Amino acid sequence: MQVQQIKADLCFLGACAIDPAEGVAAFEAEEAELKRAMVKSSGQVAIAITTEKLMTAAPFFVVATSGIEHLIVEQDVSPKRLGEFEKICGNVIVAQRMAQS
């Protein structure tokens, strides 16, 4: 089945790199092409990303930051970086640590 035939309400997309100005990017051309097709056939895009991947770049463009409806980040993201993404993304969520029992 081709990705274009799948019409998802919400796509959880993996990201190699994300920057407010440059958007989401991948390190492999084929991976970026597949992810672009997934984004195009989805109603909304969500990305959960680790802090070390924020404000980084990779050579192959996937989607503009403004095309991300839900961005989930770790607690240690600086307020400045958080603010930059909040200006562009639809909904920035700071993940909370689960209490260990």
Protein backbone atom coordinates (compact mmCIF):
# COMPACT_ATOMS: atom_id res chain seq x y z
CA MET A 1 0.00 0.00 0.00
CA GLN A 2 1.26 3.47 -0.83
CA VAL A 3 1.51 6.06 1.94
CA GLN A 4 -0.64 8.50 -0.05
CA GLN A 5 -3.58 6.09 0.26
CA ILE A 6 -3.49 6.25 4.06
CA LYS A 7 -5.51 9.15 5.47
CA ALA A 8 -4.49 9.46 9.13
CA ASP A 9 -6.11 11.90 11.53
CA LEU A 10 -2.85 12.22 13.48
CA CYS A 11 0.67 11.27 12.45
CA PHE A 12 3.35 10.83 15.13
CA LEU A 13 6.46 11.67 13.17
CA GLY A 14 10.02 10.89 14.19
CA ALA A 15 12.46 13.74 13.68
CA CYS A 16 16.24 13.76 13.39
CA ALA A 17 16.50 17.54 13.71
CA ILE A 18 14.24 20.51 14.28
CA ASP A 19 14.84 24.24 14.20
CA PRO A 20 12.18 26.99 14.38
CA ALA A 21 13.40 28.62 11.16
CA GLU A 22 14.56 25.55 9.22
CA GLY A 23 11.80 23.13 10.22
CA VAL A 24 12.05 19.37 10.60
CA ALA A 25 14.78 17.53 8.72
CA ALA A 26 16.18 14.04 8.18
CA PHE A 27 19.65 12.68 7.45
CA GLU A 28 18.57 10.40 4.59
CA ALA A 29 16.80 11.51 1.40
CA GLU A 30 14.52 8.45 1.24
CA GLU A 31 13.49 8.90 4.87
CA ALA A 32 12.65 12.56 4.27
CA GLU A 33 10.59 11.66 1.19
CA LEU A 34 8.58 9.08 3.13
CA LYS A 35 7.99 11.48 6.01
CA ARG A 36 6.85 14.26 3.63
CA ALA A 37 4.31 11.85 2.15
CA MET A 38 3.12 10.90 5.66
CA VAL A 39 2.69 14.56 6.60
CA LYS A 40 0.82 15.31 3.38
CA SER A 41 -1.69 12.50 3.95
CA SER A 42 -2.30 13.29 7.65
CA GLY A 43 -4.73 15.68 9.26
CA GLN A 44 -2.31 16.71 12.04
CA VAL A 45 1.33 16.10 12.87
CA ALA A 46 2.78 15.42 16.32
CA ILE A 47 6.46 15.11 17.17
CA ALA A 48 7.99 14.03 20.47
CA ILE A 49 11.61 15.09 20.43
CA THR A 50 14.58 14.97 22.77
CA THR A 51 16.31 18.17 23.81
CA GLU A 52 19.53 17.39 21.97
CA LYS A 53 17.66 17.36 18.64
CA LEU A 54 16.21 20.86 19.16
CA MET A 55 17.91 23.71 17.31
CA THR A 56 19.75 21.27 15.05
CA ALA A 57 19.80 20.73 11.30
CA ALA A 58 19.97 17.84 8.86
CA PRO A 59 20.33 17.99 5.08
CA PHE A 60 16.88 16.83 3.93
CA PHE A 61 13.79 18.96 4.63
CA VAL A 62 10.61 17.24 5.88
CA VAL A 63 8.12 19.87 7.09
CA ALA A 64 8.08 23.48 8.25
CA THR A 65 7.84 23.99 11.99
CA SER A 66 4.52 25.75 11.44
CA GLY A 67 3.20 22.46 10.03
CA ILE A 68 3.51 20.75 13.41
CA GLU A 69 0.31 20.84 15.44
CA HIS A 70 1.74 19.13 18.55
CA LEU A 71 5.37 19.32 19.67
CA ILE A 72 6.27 17.35 22.80
CA VAL A 73 9.57 18.33 24.44
CA GLU A 74 11.50 17.31 27.52
CA GLN A 75 11.43 19.26 30.79
CA ASP A 76 14.97 20.57 30.45
CA VAL A 77 14.24 22.79 27.43
CA SER A 78 15.24 26.36 28.20
CA PRO A 79 12.44 28.95 28.43
CA LYS A 80 13.99 30.84 25.49
CA ARG A 81 13.91 27.79 23.19
CA LEU A 82 10.46 26.83 24.41
CA GLY A 83 9.23 30.32 23.56
CA GLU A 84 10.65 30.15 20.05
CA PHE A 85 8.70 26.96 19.32
CA GLU A 86 5.54 28.21 21.04
CA LYS A 87 5.44 31.15 18.59
CA ILE A 88 5.39 28.77 15.61
CA CYS A 89 3.89 25.40 16.59
CA GLY A 90 0.23 24.90 17.30
CA ASN A 91 0.64 23.23 20.70
CA VAL A 92 3.92 22.80 22.58
CA ILE A 93 3.72 20.29 25.42
CA VAL A 94 6.40 19.85 28.07
CA ALA A 95 6.52 16.18 29.07
CA GLN A 96 6.29 15.50 32.79
CA ARG A 97 8.33 12.86 34.53
CA MET A 98 6.38 9.98 35.96
CA ALA A 99 6.85 9.37 39.66
CA GLN A 100 8.56 6.04 40.28
CA SER A 101 6.96 3.75 42.80
